[in-house]
Amino acid sequence: MASEKGTLYIKGDRDVEVTKPDVTLGDLLSMECADRSVLPKVKSLKLLKFKQTGKQRCVVSILKIIERIHEVCPSLDIQNMGEQDIIVTYEDQKTPAFIWHLLKTVFVAAITFFGGAFSIMAFNNDVDVTTLFGQIYELVTGEVTDGFTILEITYSIGVTGGILIFFNHLGKKRFTVDPTPMEIQMRLYENDIQTTLIEDSERKGEEVDVGRVGAADISGSDRT
């Protein structure tokens, strides 16, 4: 058993995806230690072993990771700078065909375009924008509108510009360095998913924690 002393700083993200069934601490954590000989030894420690096929996921407590490190380096002081619980997801990395990526892109673009167009038309119909513009045009010019005036043109340009400014990008070009509203909502959604997974795992007693399952016998549960 090793007798290394000193402080090992570890940092793990809340959600980590791995591509091999045998998971080591180096796959899950960033580490720093003044004793450089400690890092290779700790990073190579095996923690999980998933089944060879399918998508699987489990939640690992940081206490289990610390316990695993202390099995080989009992004198090492460990400072956790990251998450208390880590969601580990294993999935075979099989690259889909290019045509499949293309079809998904076209499908998402079509849904977004037609869905957005329907929402705008439904709003315009709900507030009767056509009648409103007609009344404004007749009030200002004294003439009856034919349904296609400067009001409709500027309104369409304004809606397009407003959407682009709100979503903060056009293609790959960003207007500011701030994240887009879509990115913010996606991060909030991911955080809600991660919190739910961790809490469900704790309630069901499935979390990989100290005093439950030996590190060599751990296998991830199937994802649903």
Foldseek 3Di string as FASTA:
>chain_A
DDADEFEKEKAFEQEFEDAAQWAAVLRTIDIDTPPVVLVVVRRRHTFGGADPDAKFKAKAAVQSSVVSSCVHHVNYHYDYPYDRMHMYIYHHDDDDDPVVVVVVVVVVVVCVVVVVVVVVVVVCVVVVVQVVVQVVCCVVPVDGDPSDDPVVVVVVVVVVVVVCVQQQDDVPGGPDPDHGPVVVVVVVVVVVVSVVNVVVCVVVVNYHHPPPDDRVPHYTDHDD
